[in-house]
Amino acid sequence: MHPTELQLIQLAQQVGGMAQQAALAYEQAQAALQLERLFTLESVATKEGTQQALDTVGRLTELHQAHQQIFAKFVTAAMQQLTAAIASLPVEKAYEYERGFIASLNSTLAGQAEFYANRDRWITAVREMFTVVEENRDVISVEDGQLLFHDDDVIDRYEAAQQVINNIHEYEVKHMQEKAARAMAASAYLTALEKKRGAIRNGTRRSRCFTLRWQQLF
């Protein structure tokens, strides 16, 4: 076995695990913002409530951009190391790894990129929803616990924003189990490949130069 192979497998495991860590860290930070409060009557009934909602959206935007930039930085560094490692392998081995776990990793990373893109759209739609309310209070009223619109164009804008929000939510719920299954399959594949290749002498010491951690990027 080529000495680089175990190092390559270990780095690939780190990259795959990184996507899961990034998603978990994002979810935990997002939960602290209590986004469910955005979808209460209080958030649109008064100027103060709407401003508080927009402030929350602003904090979510900052969180989203920070995590997206950190993840991109990690992926760039890790993929450079993966590419360099594969280049040092014999041609047959390089082809085997490119067709195997590199393709699997690309799928995992594409899933994370899709999450970020959908979150961009979700944030834009939520901001639009509150902007519509704030700019058109003269044709909006609250009666018997309901938000009423007295202008067709305004309600069309509001409902269009809500539809985007609902579509993204439904998509994420639908694909959540599928994404988790892909991540587990990729992890299982790499673990099996590592066992198949077996440990090489001083493999742990040699692989340290490939180690990247999410926490190191803050």
Protein backbone atom coordinates (compact mmCIF):
# COMPACT_ATOMS: atom_id res chain seq x y z
CA MET A 1 0.00 0.00 0.00
CA HIS A 2 1.26 3.46 -0.89
CA PRO A 3 2.16 5.42 2.30
CA THR A 4 -0.12 8.30 1.30
CA GLU A 5 -3.28 6.20 1.19
CA LEU A 6 -3.99 6.07 4.93
CA GLN A 7 -3.32 9.79 5.21
CA LEU A 8 -5.71 10.39 2.34
CA ILE A 9 -8.46 8.33 3.96
CA GLN A 10 -8.04 10.12 7.29
CA LEU A 11 -8.21 13.54 5.68
CA ALA A 12 -11.30 12.54 3.71
CA GLN A 13 -12.95 11.44 6.96
CA GLN A 14 -12.15 14.82 8.47
CA VAL A 15 -13.68 16.67 5.52
CA GLY A 16 -16.83 14.55 5.63
CA GLY A 17 -17.12 15.02 9.38
CA MET A 18 -16.54 18.73 8.95
CA ALA A 19 -19.75 19.13 6.96
CA GLN A 20 -21.69 17.47 9.77
CA GLN A 21 -19.97 19.61 12.42
CA ALA A 22 -20.69 22.76 10.46
CA ALA A 23 -24.37 21.89 10.15
CA LEU A 24 -24.65 21.09 13.87
CA ALA A 25 -22.86 24.28 14.94
CA TYR A 26 -25.08 26.32 12.64
CA GLU A 27 -28.25 24.73 14.00
CA GLN A 28 -27.21 25.35 17.61
CA ALA A 29 -26.36 29.01 16.98
CA GLN A 30 -29.56 29.47 14.99
CA ALA A 31 -31.68 27.94 17.77
CA ALA A 32 -30.39 30.60 20.17
CA LEU A 33 -31.99 33.27 17.96
CA GLN A 34 -35.45 31.78 18.57
CA LEU A 35 -36.52 32.21 14.97
CA GLU A 36 -39.97 30.84 15.73
CA ARG A 37 -40.78 34.27 17.18
CA LEU A 38 -40.54 35.72 13.69
CA PHE A 39 -43.80 34.03 12.77
CA THR A 40 -46.03 35.40 15.50
CA LEU A 41 -48.64 38.11 15.18
CA GLU A 42 -46.63 40.31 17.53
CA SER A 43 -43.81 40.52 14.99
CA VAL A 44 -46.02 42.24 12.42
CA ALA A 45 -48.69 43.94 14.53
CA THR A 46 -46.52 46.87 15.67
CA LYS A 47 -43.54 48.81 14.38
CA GLU A 48 -41.59 47.78 17.47
CA GLY A 49 -42.34 44.10 16.89
CA THR A 50 -41.35 44.33 13.24
CA GLN A 51 -38.12 46.12 14.08
CA GLN A 52 -37.24 43.42 16.61
CA ALA A 53 -37.94 40.80 13.93
CA LEU A 54 -35.72 42.59 11.42
CA ASP A 55 -32.96 42.82 14.04
CA THR A 56 -33.20 39.05 14.51
CA VAL A 57 -32.98 38.54 10.75
CA GLY A 58 -29.90 40.76 10.76
CA ARG A 59 -28.23 38.61 13.41
CA LEU A 60 -29.12 35.48 11.46
CA THR A 61 -27.56 37.03 8.35
CA GLU A 62 -24.32 37.70 10.24
CA LEU A 63 -24.31 34.14 11.61
CA HIS A 64 -25.02 32.70 8.18
CA GLN A 65 -22.28 34.66 6.43
CA ALA A 66 -19.70 33.86 9.12
CA HIS A 67 -20.35 30.11 8.96
CA GLN A 68 -20.42 30.13 5.18
CA GLN A 69 -17.04 31.89 5.00
CA ILE A 70 -15.45 29.61 7.60
CA PHE A 71 -16.72 26.49 5.88
CA ALA A 72 -15.47 27.73 2.49
CA LYS A 73 -12.05 28.42 4.02
CA PHE A 74 -11.88 24.91 5.46
CA VAL A 75 -13.00 23.24 2.26
CA THR A 76 -10.46 25.15 0.16
CA ALA A 77 -7.58 24.17 2.45
CA ALA A 78 -8.69 20.55 2.78
CA MET A 79 -9.31 20.00 -0.92
CA GLN A 80 -5.89 21.45 -1.76
CA GLN A 81 -4.33 18.85 0.54
CA LEU A 82 -6.49 16.08 -0.91
CA THR A 83 -5.51 17.05 -4.45
CA ALA A 84 -1.82 17.12 -3.53
CA ALA A 85 -2.06 13.73 -1.82
CA ILE A 86 -3.82 12.11 -4.78
CA ALA A 87 -1.25 13.56 -7.16
CA SER A 88 1.48 11.67 -5.30
CA LEU A 89 -0.21 8.31 -5.88
CA PRO A 90 0.42 5.99 -8.83
CA VAL A 91 -1.97 6.65 -11.71
CA GLU A 92 -4.09 3.55 -11.04
CA LYS A 93 -4.49 4.40 -7.36
CA ALA A 94 -5.24 8.05 -8.08
CA TYR A 95 -8.03 7.04 -10.46
CA GLU A 96 -9.45 4.65 -7.86
CA TYR A 97 -9.64 7.37 -5.20
CA GLU A 98 -11.02 9.99 -7.57
CA ARG A 99 -13.84 7.63 -8.57
CA GLY A 100 -14.43 6.49 -4.99
CA PHE A 101 -14.47 8.68 -1.94
CA ILE A 102 -13.61 11.95 -3.71
CA ALA A 103 -16.92 11.65 -5.56
CA SER A 104 -18.63 10.86 -2.25
CA LEU A 105 -17.03 13.86 -0.57
CA ASN A 106 -18.06 16.13 -3.41
CA SER A 107 -21.65 15.00 -2.91
CA THR A 108 -21.47 15.79 0.82
CA LEU A 109 -19.96 19.22 0.19
CA ALA A 110 -22.52 19.95 -2.52
CA GLY A 111 -25.26 19.19 0.00
CA GLN A 112 -23.81 21.70 2.45
CA ALA A 113 -23.49 24.30 -0.29
CA GLU A 114 -27.13 23.74 -1.21
CA PHE A 115 -28.11 24.29 2.43
CA TYR A 116 -26.30 27.63 2.47
CA ALA A 117 -27.93 28.69 -0.82
CA ASN A 118 -31.39 27.80 0.45
CA ARG A 119 -30.73 29.69 3.68
CA ASP A 120 -29.76 32.74 1.62
CA ARG A 121 -33.12 32.56 -0.13
CA TRP A 122 -34.96 31.99 3.16
CA ILE A 123 -33.36 35.04 4.79
CA THR A 124 -34.15 37.20 1.76
CA ALA A 125 -37.78 36.07 1.79
CA VAL A 126 -38.22 36.68 5.53
CA ARG A 127 -36.72 40.15 5.22
CA GLU A 128 -39.04 40.86 2.28
CA MET A 129 -42.05 39.72 4.33
CA PHE A 130 -41.31 42.20 7.12
CA THR A 131 -40.35 44.96 4.69
CA VAL A 132 -43.75 44.63 3.00
CA VAL A 133 -45.47 45.02 6.37
CA GLU A 134 -43.32 47.95 7.46
CA GLU A 135 -43.76 49.87 4.20
CA ASN A 136 -47.53 49.34 3.94
CA ARG A 137 -48.99 49.72 7.41
CA ASP A 138 -51.57 52.13 6.03
CA VAL A 139 -53.26 49.24 4.18
CA ILE A 140 -52.73 46.59 6.88
CA SER A 141 -54.72 46.07 10.05
CA VAL A 142 -54.99 43.55 12.88
CA GLU A 143 -58.49 42.42 13.75
CA ASP A 144 -59.54 39.54 16.00
CA GLY A 145 -55.99 38.21 16.10
CA GLN A 146 -55.59 38.20 12.33
CA LEU A 147 -53.45 40.23 9.95
CA LEU A 148 -55.65 41.78 7.26
CA PHE A 149 -54.48 43.32 3.99
CA HIS A 150 -56.56 45.93 2.17
CA ASP A 151 -54.49 46.08 -1.02
CA ASP A 152 -54.15 43.22 -3.49
CA ASP A 153 -50.64 44.13 -4.62
CA VAL A 154 -49.40 44.23 -1.03
CA ILE A 155 -50.90 40.89 -0.11
CA ASP A 156 -49.48 39.37 -3.31
CA ARG A 157 -45.97 40.46 -2.29
CA TYR A 158 -46.45 39.20 1.24
CA GLU A 159 -47.80 35.82 0.15
CA ALA A 160 -45.04 35.41 -2.44
CA ALA A 161 -42.43 35.82 0.29
CA GLN A 162 -44.29 33.38 2.53
CA GLN A 163 -44.46 30.85 -0.30
CA VAL A 164 -40.67 30.91 -0.72
CA ILE A 165 -40.25 30.39 3.04
CA ASN A 166 -42.70 27.47 3.03
CA ASN A 167 -41.15 25.86 -0.05
CA ILE A 168 -37.66 25.93 1.44
CA HIS A 169 -38.90 24.52 4.74
CA GLU A 170 -40.72 21.68 3.00
CA TYR A 171 -37.67 20.92 0.86
CA GLU A 172 -35.33 20.82 3.85
CA VAL A 173 -37.64 18.54 5.83
CA LYS A 174 -38.05 16.23 2.84
CA HIS A 175 -34.31 15.95 2.19
CA MET A 176 -33.08 15.90 5.80
CA GLN A 177 -33.21 12.11 6.14
CA GLU A 178 -31.72 11.65 2.68
CA LYS A 179 -28.76 13.91 3.52
CA ALA A 180 -28.20 12.11 6.83
CA ALA A 181 -28.25 8.75 5.04
CA ARG A 182 -25.68 9.96 2.47
CA ALA A 183 -23.40 11.24 5.23
CA MET A 184 -23.62 7.92 7.10
CA ALA A 185 -22.96 5.96 3.92
CA ALA A 186 -19.91 8.08 3.12
CA SER A 187 -18.56 7.65 6.65
CA ALA A 188 -19.12 3.90 6.54
CA TYR A 189 -17.37 3.68 3.16
CA LEU A 190 -14.29 5.49 4.42
CA THR A 191 -14.15 3.41 7.60
CA ALA A 192 -14.36 0.20 5.62
CA LEU A 193 -11.71 1.42 3.20
CA GLU A 194 -9.40 2.33 6.06
CA LYS A 195 -9.77 -1.15 7.58
CA LYS A 196 -9.20 -2.74 4.20
CA ARG A 197 -6.01 -0.81 3.62
CA GLY A 198 -4.79 -1.48 7.15
CA ALA A 199 -2.59 0.68 9.29
CA ILE A 200 0.84 1.65 8.08
CA ARG A 201 3.83 2.13 10.33
CA ASN A 202 3.93 5.59 11.92
CA GLY A 203 0.71 6.42 10.08
CA THR A 204 -0.59 8.63 12.89
CA ARG A 205 2.58 10.71 12.97
CA ARG A 206 2.64 11.09 9.21
CA SER A 207 -1.00 12.14 9.01
CA ARG A 208 -0.72 15.07 11.40
CA CYS A 209 0.21 17.48 8.63
CA PHE A 210 -3.20 16.79 7.06
CA THR A 211 -5.24 17.52 10.21
CA LEU A 212 -7.68 20.42 10.07
CA ARG A 213 -10.25 21.25 12.69
CA TRP A 214 -13.34 23.43 12.57
CA GLN A 215 -12.40 25.17 15.82
CA GLN A 216 -9.04 26.28 14.42
CA LEU A 217 -10.78 28.44 11.82
CA PHE A 218 -12.45 30.81 14.29
